Amino acid sequence: MLSSLPLAATDIDNVSLNTSDGMLLLLSAVIAVIMFGIALEMKVDDFRAVAHMPKAMAVGVAAQFICLPAITFGLTMLLDFRASIALGMILVACCPPGNISNILVYRARGNVALSLSMTALSNFLAIFLMPLNIAFWAGMHPEASQILKDIDVSAVELLLDIVVLIGIPLCLGLLISSHKPEIAKKVQPLVKKFSMIFLVLFILGALVSNISAFVNHIALVAVAVFIHDTLALLLGYGIAASFKVSEPNRRAITFEVGVRNAALGLGIALSVFEGLGGVAMVAAWWGVWDLMAGLALSSWWAKKPTGDVKESTLEAAGGA
C-alpha cells in the first residue's frame, strides 16, 4: 500500500500551498479566459453533430462523467492513496476536457469533428455534473469525505464556482462565435496564446513559492498521476472499442476521456479546497504529464493507419 511509505513522503495531507488572494483572483481570471477561448472555437453545428453520431457521443460522454469518476474512486481505494491525493484524482476525473484534446485528436488522425462536438457538449454538461460528481464520489471516500467536512465544501458552493469559471465564459464565447464569427476568429488566437502564457507563469510562480512542498512530495504525486492518466486513456480507447466504433472515433474518444482540463481543477483546488497539498499538486502535475503523454500517444498514432475511411464515414452517417 502507498500509505505504508515513510512519513516524510506521506504527510502531504498536512501541506497547504501558499497562494495570496491576488494570485487566486488572477488564476480564476485566467481560467475564465481559457474557457472563453474554448467557446470562441465552438459553433452551434458542434452541438447539432451530436444527432449524427449518437452512439459515439453517448459512449464518450458516459465514459467521462460516469465511468472515469467511478474507476478513479475504485483506484484510490485499491491503492490506498493519501486522502488529499485521492481527492485530487477525483477532482481531475470530474473535470471536462479542454481544447488541447482537439489538437491531439488532429495530430492522431482521429475524428476531429467528434472531438470538437464532445468538448462542447462535455463542457456544458460539466457545469452541473462536475459539482455533483465531486460531491458524490469524494463523499463516498472514507478519508476524502472528511476533508470535505473539514473545509465545509458543498455541492452548491462547487456549482457556483463552476458557473463562474465555466458557465459564464462559455455562454459569452458561444454567443460571440455564433453572432460575430469574424470577431471570434480574430480574438480567439490571442485569447488562447496569452491565457496559456499567464497560466504557465502562474504555475511556475506557484512552484517557486512552494518549492519545498513539491520537492518533498512530487514522487508520490507523479506515481498517482501516471497510473491515473494511463488508466483514463485506456478507458477511453477500451470503451470505444467495446462498442465497435471506428478507429478515428476511438482515437477521438480516447483523448476526450483521457485529457482533462487540469487548469480548471487547479483553480478549484486552490480556491475551494484552500490549496490542500495533494489536491493542488495532483491537478498541477496532471496538466504537465497529461500533455506529455498525449503528445507521445498522438505522435505514435499519427504513423498508424486508421482503418477503412469509408467505414468511418458510413458510421457517422448511420448514427454511430
C-alpha atoms as a PDB file:
ATOM      1  CA  MET A   1       0.000   0.000   0.000  1.00  0.00           C
ATOM      2  CA  LEU A   2       1.201   3.502  -0.793  1.00  0.00           C
ATOM      3  CA  SER A   3       0.222   4.674   2.683  1.00  0.00           C
ATOM      4  CA  SER A   4       2.959   2.460   4.136  1.00  0.00           C
ATOM      5  CA  LEU A   5       5.664   4.728   2.705  1.00  0.00           C
ATOM      6  CA  PRO A   6       7.801   6.760   5.145  1.00  0.00           C
ATOM      7  CA  LEU A   7       6.072   9.649   6.876  1.00  0.00           C
ATOM      8  CA  ALA A   8       8.199  12.207   5.020  1.00  0.00           C
ATOM      9  CA  ALA A   9       6.569  11.027   1.805  1.00  0.00           C
ATOM     10  CA  THR A  10       3.050  10.721   3.139  1.00  0.00           C
ATOM     11  CA  ASP A  11       2.334  13.850   5.216  1.00  0.00           C
ATOM     12  CA  ILE A  12       1.064  15.628   2.120  1.00  0.00           C
ATOM     13  CA  ASP A  13      -2.376  15.820   3.741  1.00  0.00           C
ATOM     14  CA  ASN A  14      -0.959  18.395   6.154  1.00  0.00           C
ATOM     15  CA  VAL A  15       0.519  20.650   3.447  1.00  0.00           C
ATOM     16  CA  SER A  16      -1.198  23.739   2.063  1.00  0.00           C
ATOM     17  CA  LEU A  17       0.274  25.621  -0.875  1.00  0.00           C
ATOM     18  CA  ASN A  18       0.956  29.293  -0.297  1.00  0.00           C
ATOM     19  CA  THR A  19      -1.250  31.454  -2.523  1.00  0.00           C
ATOM     20  CA  SER A  20      -2.374  35.022  -1.966  1.00  0.00           C
ATOM     21  CA  ASP A  21      -5.881  36.314  -2.622  1.00  0.00           C
ATOM     22  CA  GLY A  22      -4.458  38.242  -5.563  1.00  0.00           C
ATOM     23  CA  MET A  23      -2.952  35.091  -7.082  1.00  0.00           C
ATOM     24  CA  LEU A  24      -6.243  33.215  -6.692  1.00  0.00           C
ATOM     25  CA  LEU A  25      -8.129  36.045  -8.362  1.00  0.00           C
ATOM     26  CA  LEU A  26      -5.605  36.072 -11.204  1.00  0.00           C
ATOM     27  CA  LEU A  27      -5.873  32.306 -11.677  1.00  0.00           C
ATOM     28  CA  SER A  28      -9.673  32.469 -11.728  1.00  0.00           C
ATOM     29  CA  ALA A  29      -9.499  35.180 -14.375  1.00  0.00           C
ATOM     30  CA  VAL A  30      -7.036  33.146 -16.465  1.00  0.00           C
ATOM     31  CA  ILE A  31      -9.217  30.022 -16.271  1.00  0.00           C
ATOM     32  CA  ALA A  32     -12.303  32.031 -17.244  1.00  0.00           C
ATOM     33  CA  VAL A  33     -10.408  33.439 -20.231  1.00  0.00           C
ATOM     34  CA  ILE A  34      -9.271  29.925 -21.222  1.00  0.00           C
ATOM     35  CA  MET A  35     -12.880  28.705 -21.130  1.00  0.00           C
ATOM     36  CA  PHE A  36     -13.923  31.794 -23.096  1.00  0.00           C
ATOM     37  CA  GLY A  37     -11.303  30.890 -25.717  1.00  0.00           C
ATOM     38  CA  ILE A  38     -12.633  27.326 -25.929  1.00  0.00           C
ATOM     39  CA  ALA A  39     -16.144  28.674 -26.536  1.00  0.00           C
ATOM     40  CA  LEU A  40     -14.894  31.007 -29.282  1.00  0.00           C
ATOM     41  CA  GLU A  41     -13.922  27.859 -31.222  1.00  0.00           C
ATOM     42  CA  MET A  42     -17.357  26.314 -30.728  1.00  0.00           C
ATOM     43  CA  LYS A  43     -20.231  26.560 -33.163  1.00  0.00           C
ATOM     44  CA  VAL A  44     -23.869  25.638 -32.895  1.00  0.00           C
ATOM     45  CA  ASP A  45     -23.120  22.957 -35.507  1.00  0.00           C
ATOM     46  CA  ASP A  46     -20.877  21.246 -32.948  1.00  0.00           C
ATOM     47  CA  PHE A  47     -23.983  20.527 -30.877  1.00  0.00           C
ATOM     48  CA  ARG A  48     -26.066  19.555 -33.913  1.00  0.00           C
ATOM     49  CA  ALA A  49     -23.390  16.994 -34.805  1.00  0.00           C
ATOM     50  CA  VAL A  50     -24.474  15.020 -31.741  1.00  0.00           C
ATOM     51  CA  ALA A  51     -27.541  13.879 -33.681  1.00  0.00           C
ATOM     52  CA  HIS A  52     -25.352  12.462 -36.468  1.00  0.00           C
ATOM     53  CA  MET A  53     -23.063  10.439 -34.168  1.00  0.00           C
ATOM     54  CA  PRO A  54     -25.284   9.425 -31.240  1.00  0.00           C
ATOM     55  CA  LYS A  55     -23.518   6.182 -30.348  1.00  0.00           C
ATOM     56  CA  ALA A  56     -20.008   7.620 -30.351  1.00  0.00           C
ATOM     57  CA  MET A  57     -21.170  10.704 -28.440  1.00  0.00           C
ATOM     58  CA  ALA A  58     -23.067   8.657 -25.849  1.00  0.00           C
ATOM     59  CA  VAL A  59     -20.119   6.320 -25.327  1.00  0.00           C
ATOM     60  CA  GLY A  60     -17.674   9.207 -24.900  1.00  0.00           C
ATOM     61  CA  VAL A  61     -19.845  11.276 -22.572  1.00  0.00           C
ATOM     62  CA  ALA A  62     -20.756   8.265 -20.420  1.00  0.00           C
ATOM     63  CA  ALA A  63     -17.085   7.322 -20.163  1.00  0.00           C
ATOM     64  CA  GLN A  64     -16.218  10.846 -18.986  1.00  0.00           C
ATOM     65  CA  PHE A  65     -18.957  11.516 -16.464  1.00  0.00           C
ATOM     66  CA  ILE A  66     -19.802   8.009 -15.222  1.00  0.00           C
ATOM     67  CA  CYS A  67     -17.003   5.520 -15.857  1.00  0.00           C
ATOM     68  CA  LEU A  68     -13.913   7.669 -15.228  1.00  0.00           C
ATOM     69  CA  PRO A  69     -15.010   9.054 -11.826  1.00  0.00           C
ATOM     70  CA  ALA A  70     -16.181   5.583 -10.746  1.00  0.00           C
ATOM     71  CA  ILE A  71     -12.941   3.893 -11.809  1.00  0.00           C
ATOM     72  CA  THR A  72     -10.931   6.698 -10.215  1.00  0.00           C
ATOM     73  CA  PHE A  73     -12.756   6.131  -6.937  1.00  0.00           C
ATOM     74  CA  GLY A  74     -12.012   2.411  -7.147  1.00  0.00           C
ATOM     75  CA  LEU A  75      -8.344   3.123  -7.903  1.00  0.00           C
ATOM     76  CA  THR A  76      -7.953   5.393  -4.869  1.00  0.00           C
ATOM     77  CA  MET A  77      -9.499   2.727  -2.651  1.00  0.00           C
ATOM     78  CA  LEU A  78      -7.475  -0.126  -4.145  1.00  0.00           C
ATOM     79  CA  LEU A  79      -4.092   1.584  -3.879  1.00  0.00           C
ATOM     80  CA  ASP A  80      -4.928   3.426  -0.651  1.00  0.00           C
ATOM     81  CA  PHE A  81      -3.649   6.830  -1.767  1.00  0.00           C
ATOM     82  CA  ARG A  82      -3.404   9.579   0.817  1.00  0.00           C
ATOM     83  CA  ALA A  83      -6.709  11.397   1.342  1.00  0.00           C
ATOM     84  CA  SER A  84      -5.715  14.666  -0.352  1.00  0.00           C
ATOM     85  CA  ILE A  85      -4.198  12.828  -3.329  1.00  0.00           C
ATOM     86  CA  ALA A  86      -7.355  10.729  -3.676  1.00  0.00           C
ATOM     87  CA  LEU A  87      -9.442  13.897  -3.594  1.00  0.00           C
ATOM     88  CA  GLY A  88      -7.206  15.487  -6.223  1.00  0.00           C
ATOM     89  CA  MET A  89      -7.612  12.470  -8.503  1.00  0.00           C
ATOM     90  CA  ILE A  90     -11.394  12.542  -8.089  1.00  0.00           C
ATOM     91  CA  LEU A  91     -11.416  16.287  -8.799  1.00  0.00           C
ATOM     92  CA  VAL A  92      -9.416  15.893 -12.015  1.00  0.00           C
ATOM     93  CA  ALA A  93     -11.534  12.928 -13.148  1.00  0.00           C
ATOM     94  CA  CYS A  94     -14.650  15.072 -12.806  1.00  0.00           C
ATOM     95  CA  CYS A  95     -13.220  17.948 -14.898  1.00  0.00           C
ATOM     96  CA  PRO A  96     -14.319  18.321 -18.537  1.00  0.00           C
ATOM     97  CA  PRO A  97     -11.816  18.070 -21.398  1.00  0.00           C
ATOM     98  CA  GLY A  98     -10.021  21.157 -22.691  1.00  0.00           C
ATOM     99  CA  ASN A  99      -9.275  22.224 -26.246  1.00  0.00           C
ATOM    100  CA  ILE A 100      -5.869  20.537 -26.089  1.00  0.00           C
ATOM    101  CA  SER A 101      -7.746  17.285 -26.701  1.00  0.00           C
ATOM    102  CA  ASN A 102      -8.874  18.619 -30.105  1.00  0.00           C
ATOM    103  CA  ILE A 103      -5.279  19.327 -31.111  1.00  0.00           C
ATOM    104  CA  LEU A 104      -4.161  15.873 -30.027  1.00  0.00           C
ATOM    105  CA  VAL A 105      -7.013  14.216 -31.946  1.00  0.00           C
ATOM    106  CA  TYR A 106      -5.979  16.126 -35.064  1.00  0.00           C
ATOM    107  CA  ARG A 107      -2.352  15.016 -34.629  1.00  0.00           C
ATOM    108  CA  ALA A 108      -3.501  11.419 -34.070  1.00  0.00           C
ATOM    109  CA  ARG A 109      -5.603  11.394 -37.288  1.00  0.00           C
ATOM    110  CA  GLY A 110      -8.768  10.944 -35.267  1.00  0.00           C
ATOM    111  CA  ASN A 111     -12.253  12.288 -35.890  1.00  0.00           C
ATOM    112  CA  VAL A 112     -11.800  15.997 -35.138  1.00  0.00           C
ATOM    113  CA  ALA A 113     -15.496  16.781 -35.684  1.00  0.00           C
ATOM    114  CA  LEU A 114     -16.433  14.254 -32.992  1.00  0.00           C
ATOM    115  CA  SER A 115     -13.748  15.654 -30.684  1.00  0.00           C
ATOM    116  CA  LEU A 116     -14.986  19.228 -31.079  1.00  0.00           C
ATOM    117  CA  SER A 117     -18.587  18.173 -30.503  1.00  0.00           C
ATOM    118  CA  MET A 118     -17.689  16.164 -27.412  1.00  0.00           C
ATOM    119  CA  THR A 119     -15.628  19.032 -25.990  1.00  0.00           C
ATOM    120  CA  ALA A 120     -18.517  21.444 -26.498  1.00  0.00           C
ATOM    121  CA  LEU A 121     -21.156  19.140 -25.013  1.00  0.00           C
ATOM    122  CA  SER A 122     -18.977  17.929 -22.137  1.00  0.00           C
ATOM    123  CA  ASN A 123     -18.064  21.430 -21.002  1.00  0.00           C
ATOM    124  CA  PHE A 124     -21.707  22.478 -20.833  1.00  0.00           C
ATOM    125  CA  LEU A 125     -22.720  19.266 -19.055  1.00  0.00           C
ATOM    126  CA  ALA A 126     -19.846  19.786 -16.605  1.00  0.00           C
ATOM    127  CA  ILE A 127     -21.474  22.958 -15.281  1.00  0.00           C
ATOM    128  CA  PHE A 128     -24.000  20.756 -13.477  1.00  0.00           C
ATOM    129  CA  LEU A 129     -22.443  17.275 -13.454  1.00  0.00           C
ATOM    130  CA  MET A 130     -18.990  18.243 -12.191  1.00  0.00           C
ATOM    131  CA  PRO A 131     -20.037  19.519  -8.734  1.00  0.00           C
ATOM    132  CA  LEU A 132     -22.448  16.597  -8.313  1.00  0.00           C
ATOM    133  CA  ASN A 133     -19.752  14.069  -9.258  1.00  0.00           C
ATOM    134  CA  ILE A 134     -17.167  15.594  -6.925  1.00  0.00           C
ATOM    135  CA  ALA A 135     -19.609  15.730  -4.019  1.00  0.00           C
ATOM    136  CA  PHE A 136     -20.803  12.150  -4.658  1.00  0.00           C
ATOM    137  CA  TRP A 137     -17.501  10.333  -5.198  1.00  0.00           C
ATOM    138  CA  ALA A 138     -15.462  12.327  -2.683  1.00  0.00           C
ATOM    139  CA  GLY A 139     -18.322  11.930  -0.222  1.00  0.00           C
ATOM    140  CA  MET A 140     -18.141   8.147  -0.701  1.00  0.00           C
ATOM    141  CA  HIS A 141     -14.397   8.078   0.074  1.00  0.00           C
ATOM    142  CA  PRO A 142     -13.853   7.369   3.790  1.00  0.00           C
ATOM    143  CA  GLU A 143     -10.927   9.813   4.129  1.00  0.00           C
ATOM    144  CA  ALA A 144     -11.549  12.353   1.352  1.00  0.00           C
ATOM    145  CA  SER A 145     -15.063  12.860   2.700  1.00  0.00           C
ATOM    146  CA  GLN A 146     -13.535  14.096   5.939  1.00  0.00           C
ATOM    147  CA  ILE A 147     -11.674  16.790   4.006  1.00  0.00           C
ATOM    148  CA  LEU A 148     -14.984  17.965   2.534  1.00  0.00           C
ATOM    149  CA  LYS A 149     -16.385  18.233   6.046  1.00  0.00           C
ATOM    150  CA  ASP A 150     -13.312  19.970   7.466  1.00  0.00           C
ATOM    151  CA  ILE A 151     -13.244  22.554   4.662  1.00  0.00           C
ATOM    152  CA  ASP A 152     -17.056  22.680   4.645  1.00  0.00           C
ATOM    153  CA  VAL A 153     -17.417  22.214   0.874  1.00  0.00           C
ATOM    154  CA  SER A 154     -20.927  21.782  -0.523  1.00  0.00           C
ATOM    155  CA  ALA A 155     -22.216  20.892  -3.988  1.00  0.00           C
ATOM    156  CA  VAL A 156     -23.896  24.303  -4.129  1.00  0.00           C
ATOM    157  CA  GLU A 157     -20.590  26.082  -3.476  1.00  0.00           C
ATOM    158  CA  LEU A 158     -18.894  23.996  -6.148  1.00  0.00           C
ATOM    159  CA  LEU A 159     -21.727  24.738  -8.565  1.00  0.00           C
ATOM    160  CA  LEU A 160     -21.392  28.490  -8.036  1.00  0.00           C
ATOM    161  CA  ASP A 161     -17.628  28.364  -8.614  1.00  0.00           C
ATOM    162  CA  ILE A 162     -18.049  26.267 -11.740  1.00  0.00           C
ATOM    163  CA  VAL A 163     -20.779  28.523 -13.123  1.00  0.00           C
ATOM    164  CA  VAL A 164     -18.366  31.452 -12.780  1.00  0.00           C
ATOM    165  CA  LEU A 165     -15.360  29.572 -14.167  1.00  0.00           C
ATOM    166  CA  ILE A 166     -17.136  27.602 -16.922  1.00  0.00           C
ATOM    167  CA  GLY A 167     -20.751  28.615 -17.440  1.00  0.00           C
ATOM    168  CA  ILE A 168     -20.486  32.368 -17.920  1.00  0.00           C
ATOM    169  CA  PRO A 169     -17.315  32.321 -20.107  1.00  0.00           C
ATOM    170  CA  LEU A 170     -18.717  29.501 -22.277  1.00  0.00           C
ATOM    171  CA  CYS A 171     -22.034  31.273 -22.828  1.00  0.00           C
ATOM    172  CA  LEU A 172     -20.329  34.556 -23.693  1.00  0.00           C
ATOM    173  CA  GLY A 173     -17.870  32.878 -26.040  1.00  0.00           C
ATOM    174  CA  LEU A 174     -20.565  30.851 -27.803  1.00  0.00           C
ATOM    175  CA  LEU A 175     -22.694  33.972 -28.160  1.00  0.00           C
ATOM    176  CA  ILE A 176     -19.867  35.818 -29.890  1.00  0.00           C
ATOM    177  CA  SER A 177     -18.842  32.873 -32.082  1.00  0.00           C
ATOM    178  CA  SER A 178     -22.468  32.419 -33.199  1.00  0.00           C
ATOM    179  CA  HIS A 179     -23.371  36.061 -33.891  1.00  0.00           C
ATOM    180  CA  LYS A 180     -19.987  37.647 -34.584  1.00  0.00           C
ATOM    181  CA  PRO A 181     -17.857  34.865 -36.095  1.00  0.00           C
ATOM    182  CA  GLU A 182     -15.449  37.326 -37.684  1.00  0.00           C
ATOM    183  CA  ILE A 183     -14.646  38.804 -34.261  1.00  0.00           C
ATOM    184  CA  ALA A 184     -14.295  35.339 -32.721  1.00  0.00           C
ATOM    185  CA  LYS A 185     -11.873  34.327 -35.472  1.00  0.00           C
ATOM    186  CA  LYS A 186      -9.638  37.325 -34.777  1.00  0.00           C
ATOM    187  CA  VAL A 187      -9.810  37.245 -30.982  1.00  0.00           C
ATOM    188  CA  GLN A 188      -9.552  33.504 -30.343  1.00  0.00           C
ATOM    189  CA  PRO A 189      -5.831  33.019 -31.248  1.00  0.00           C
ATOM    190  CA  LEU A 190      -4.842  35.918 -28.996  1.00  0.00           C
ATOM    191  CA  VAL A 191      -7.001  34.685 -26.133  1.00  0.00           C
ATOM    192  CA  LYS A 192      -5.566  31.183 -26.385  1.00  0.00           C
ATOM    193  CA  LYS A 193      -1.963  32.392 -26.619  1.00  0.00           C
ATOM    194  CA  PHE A 194      -1.944  34.884 -23.769  1.00  0.00           C
ATOM    195  CA  SER A 195      -4.143  32.868 -21.404  1.00  0.00           C
ATOM    196  CA  MET A 196      -1.804  29.891 -21.709  1.00  0.00           C
ATOM    197  CA  ILE A 197       1.237  32.107 -21.164  1.00  0.00           C
ATOM    198  CA  PHE A 198      -0.288  33.524 -17.985  1.00  0.00           C
ATOM    199  CA  LEU A 199      -1.269  30.033 -16.835  1.00  0.00           C
ATOM    200  CA  VAL A 200       2.283  28.736 -17.289  1.00  0.00           C
ATOM    201  CA  LEU A 201       3.677  31.764 -15.469  1.00  0.00           C
ATOM    202  CA  PHE A 202       1.220  31.223 -12.621  1.00  0.00           C
ATOM    203  CA  ILE A 203       2.186  27.549 -12.263  1.00  0.00           C
ATOM    204  CA  LEU A 204       5.892  28.445 -12.315  1.00  0.00           C
ATOM    205  CA  GLY A 205       5.293  31.120  -9.687  1.00  0.00           C
ATOM    206  CA  ALA A 206       3.355  28.689  -7.502  1.00  0.00           C
ATOM    207  CA  LEU A 207       6.147  26.129  -7.939  1.00  0.00           C
ATOM    208  CA  VAL A 208       8.849  28.591  -6.878  1.00  0.00           C
ATOM    209  CA  SER A 209       6.913  29.812  -3.835  1.00  0.00           C
ATOM    210  CA  ASN A 210       6.149  26.223  -2.755  1.00  0.00           C
ATOM    211  CA  ILE A 211       9.333  24.534  -3.945  1.00  0.00           C
ATOM    212  CA  SER A 212       9.977  22.561  -0.749  1.00  0.00           C
ATOM    213  CA  ALA A 213       6.484  21.037  -0.792  1.00  0.00           C
ATOM    214  CA  PHE A 214       6.858  19.986  -4.426  1.00  0.00           C
ATOM    215  CA  VAL A 215      10.329  18.512  -3.870  1.00  0.00           C
ATOM    216  CA  ASN A 216       9.162  16.517  -0.850  1.00  0.00           C
ATOM    217  CA  HIS A 217       6.041  15.089  -2.452  1.00  0.00           C
ATOM    218  CA  ILE A 218       6.435  15.094  -6.242  1.00  0.00           C
ATOM    219  CA  ALA A 219       7.447  11.409  -6.389  1.00  0.00           C
ATOM    220  CA  LEU A 220       4.235  10.245  -4.715  1.00  0.00           C
ATOM    221  CA  VAL A 221       2.107  12.624  -6.808  1.00  0.00           C
ATOM    222  CA  ALA A 222       3.865  11.586 -10.034  1.00  0.00           C
ATOM    223  CA  VAL A 223       3.133   7.898  -9.385  1.00  0.00           C
ATOM    224  CA  ALA A 224      -0.539   8.614  -8.723  1.00  0.00           C
ATOM    225  CA  VAL A 225      -0.901  10.810 -11.828  1.00  0.00           C
ATOM    226  CA  PHE A 226       0.946   8.327 -14.074  1.00  0.00           C
ATOM    227  CA  ILE A 227      -1.318   5.439 -13.058  1.00  0.00           C
ATOM    228  CA  HIS A 228      -4.459   7.573 -13.215  1.00  0.00           C
ATOM    229  CA  ASP A 229      -3.712   9.177 -16.590  1.00  0.00           C
ATOM    230  CA  THR A 230      -2.755   5.847 -18.169  1.00  0.00           C
ATOM    231  CA  LEU A 231      -5.977   4.307 -16.909  1.00  0.00           C
ATOM    232  CA  ALA A 232      -8.027   7.231 -18.259  1.00  0.00           C
ATOM    233  CA  LEU A 233      -6.539   6.890 -21.752  1.00  0.00           C
ATOM    234  CA  LEU A 234      -7.014   3.111 -21.716  1.00  0.00           C
ATOM    235  CA  LEU A 235     -10.604   3.567 -20.559  1.00  0.00           C
ATOM    236  CA  GLY A 236     -11.350   5.911 -23.450  1.00  0.00           C
ATOM    237  CA  TYR A 237      -9.991   3.558 -26.088  1.00  0.00           C
ATOM    238  CA  GLY A 238     -11.253   0.403 -24.433  1.00  0.00           C
ATOM    239  CA  ILE A 239     -14.858   1.521 -24.040  1.00  0.00           C
ATOM    240  CA  ALA A 240     -14.908   2.878 -27.598  1.00  0.00           C
ATOM    241  CA  ALA A 241     -13.525  -0.411 -28.939  1.00  0.00           C
ATOM    242  CA  SER A 242     -16.038  -2.427 -26.923  1.00  0.00           C
ATOM    243  CA  PHE A 243     -18.870  -0.547 -28.629  1.00  0.00           C
ATOM    244  CA  LYS A 244     -17.211  -1.152 -32.019  1.00  0.00           C
ATOM    245  CA  VAL A 245     -16.962   2.464 -33.149  1.00  0.00           C
ATOM    246  CA  SER A 246     -14.488   3.186 -35.948  1.00  0.00           C
ATOM    247  CA  GLU A 247     -10.786   3.730 -35.303  1.00  0.00           C
ATOM    248  CA  PRO A 248     -10.858   7.527 -35.913  1.00  0.00           C
ATOM    249  CA  ASN A 249     -13.711   7.780 -33.408  1.00  0.00           C
ATOM    250  CA  ARG A 250     -11.850   5.562 -30.924  1.00  0.00           C
ATOM    251  CA  ARG A 251      -8.893   7.929 -31.029  1.00  0.00           C
ATOM    252  CA  ALA A 252     -11.150  10.947 -30.529  1.00  0.00           C
ATOM    253  CA  ILE A 253     -12.903   9.336 -27.555  1.00  0.00           C
ATOM    254  CA  THR A 254      -9.547   8.284 -26.079  1.00  0.00           C
ATOM    255  CA  PHE A 255      -8.331  11.871 -25.847  1.00  0.00           C
ATOM    256  CA  GLU A 256     -11.698  13.295 -24.818  1.00  0.00           C
ATOM    257  CA  VAL A 257     -11.760  10.885 -21.878  1.00  0.00           C
ATOM    258  CA  GLY A 258      -8.034  10.864 -21.098  1.00  0.00           C
ATOM    259  CA  VAL A 259      -7.273  14.585 -21.366  1.00  0.00           C
ATOM    260  CA  ARG A 260      -8.781  16.610 -18.528  1.00  0.00           C
ATOM    261  CA  ASN A 261      -8.900  20.386 -18.058  1.00  0.00           C
ATOM    262  CA  ALA A 262      -6.333  20.362 -15.248  1.00  0.00           C
ATOM    263  CA  ALA A 263      -6.192  24.178 -15.173  1.00  0.00           C
ATOM    264  CA  LEU A 264      -9.822  24.199 -14.048  1.00  0.00           C
ATOM    265  CA  GLY A 265      -9.017  21.514 -11.489  1.00  0.00           C
ATOM    266  CA  LEU A 266      -6.097  23.574 -10.181  1.00  0.00           C
ATOM    267  CA  GLY A 267      -8.276  26.648  -9.830  1.00  0.00           C
ATOM    268  CA  ILE A 268     -10.859  24.735  -7.800  1.00  0.00           C
ATOM    269  CA  ALA A 269      -8.114  23.064  -5.752  1.00  0.00           C
ATOM    270  CA  LEU A 270      -6.662  26.437  -4.757  1.00  0.00           C
ATOM    271  CA  SER A 271      -9.918  28.284  -4.184  1.00  0.00           C
ATOM    272  CA  VAL A 272     -12.497  25.772  -2.948  1.00  0.00           C
ATOM    273  CA  PHE A 273     -10.064  23.290  -1.333  1.00  0.00           C
ATOM    274  CA  GLU A 274      -7.773  26.012   0.034  1.00  0.00           C
ATOM    275  CA  GLY A 275      -4.624  24.789  -1.742  1.00  0.00           C
ATOM    276  CA  LEU A 276      -4.557  21.477   0.116  1.00  0.00           C
ATOM    277  CA  GLY A 277      -1.308  19.715  -0.776  1.00  0.00           C
ATOM    278  CA  GLY A 278      -2.340  16.556  -2.591  1.00  0.00           C
ATOM    279  CA  VAL A 279      -5.357  18.116  -4.293  1.00  0.00           C
ATOM    280  CA  ALA A 280      -3.426  21.054  -5.758  1.00  0.00           C
ATOM    281  CA  MET A 281      -0.289  19.086  -6.645  1.00  0.00           C
ATOM    282  CA  VAL A 282      -2.231  16.355  -8.442  1.00  0.00           C
ATOM    283  CA  ALA A 283      -4.066  18.955 -10.534  1.00  0.00           C
ATOM    284  CA  ALA A 284      -0.863  20.872 -11.301  1.00  0.00           C
ATOM    285  CA  TRP A 285       1.202  17.818 -12.235  1.00  0.00           C
ATOM    286  CA  TRP A 286      -1.671  16.239 -14.170  1.00  0.00           C
ATOM    287  CA  GLY A 287      -1.660  19.200 -16.564  1.00  0.00           C
ATOM    288  CA  VAL A 288       2.057  18.702 -17.230  1.00  0.00           C
ATOM    289  CA  TRP A 289       2.072  14.909 -17.513  1.00  0.00           C
ATOM    290  CA  ASP A 290      -1.211  14.687 -19.428  1.00  0.00           C
ATOM    291  CA  LEU A 291       0.197  16.917 -22.165  1.00  0.00           C
ATOM    292  CA  MET A 292       3.412  14.895 -22.441  1.00  0.00           C
ATOM    293  CA  ALA A 293       1.562  11.568 -22.552  1.00  0.00           C
ATOM    294  CA  GLY A 294      -0.973  12.939 -25.032  1.00  0.00           C
ATOM    295  CA  LEU A 295       1.721  14.250 -27.366  1.00  0.00           C
ATOM    296  CA  ALA A 296       3.557  10.924 -27.239  1.00  0.00           C
ATOM    297  CA  LEU A 297       0.404   8.916 -27.998  1.00  0.00           C
ATOM    298  CA  SER A 298      -0.786  11.257 -30.757  1.00  0.00           C
ATOM    299  CA  SER A 299       2.668  11.171 -32.396  1.00  0.00           C
ATOM    300  CA  TRP A 300       2.627   7.363 -32.346  1.00  0.00           C
ATOM    301  CA  TRP A 301      -0.919   7.210 -33.732  1.00  0.00           C
ATOM    302  CA  ALA A 302      -0.039   9.706 -36.463  1.00  0.00           C
ATOM    303  CA  LYS A 303       2.119   6.974 -38.016  1.00  0.00           C
ATOM    304  CA  LYS A 304      -0.556   4.284 -37.739  1.00  0.00           C
ATOM    305  CA  PRO A 305      -3.390   3.705 -40.252  1.00  0.00           C
ATOM    306  CA  THR A 306      -6.906   4.457 -39.048  1.00  0.00           C
ATOM    307  CA  GLY A 307      -8.554   1.636 -40.975  1.00  0.00           C
ATOM    308  CA  ASP A 308     -11.279   1.884 -43.559  1.00  0.00           C
ATOM    309  CA  VAL A 309     -12.117   5.575 -44.079  1.00  0.00           C
ATOM    310  CA  LYS A 310     -15.342   4.611 -45.866  1.00  0.00           C
ATOM    311  CA  GLU A 311     -16.423   2.624 -42.810  1.00  0.00           C
ATOM    312  CA  SER A 312     -15.870   5.667 -40.571  1.00  0.00           C
ATOM    313  CA  THR A 313     -17.901   7.865 -42.881  1.00  0.00           C
ATOM    314  CA  LEU A 314     -20.783   5.385 -43.008  1.00  0.00           C
ATOM    315  CA  GLU A 315     -20.666   5.058 -39.227  1.00  0.00           C
ATOM    316  CA  ALA A 316     -21.061   8.804 -38.745  1.00  0.00           C
ATOM    317  CA  ALA A 317     -23.892   8.978 -41.255  1.00  0.00           C
ATOM    318  CA  GLY A 318     -25.619   5.992 -39.708  1.00  0.00           C
ATOM    319  CA  GLY A 319     -25.653   7.333 -36.168  1.00  0.00           C
ATOM    320  CA  ALA A 320     -22.627   5.695 -34.574  1.00  0.00           C
END
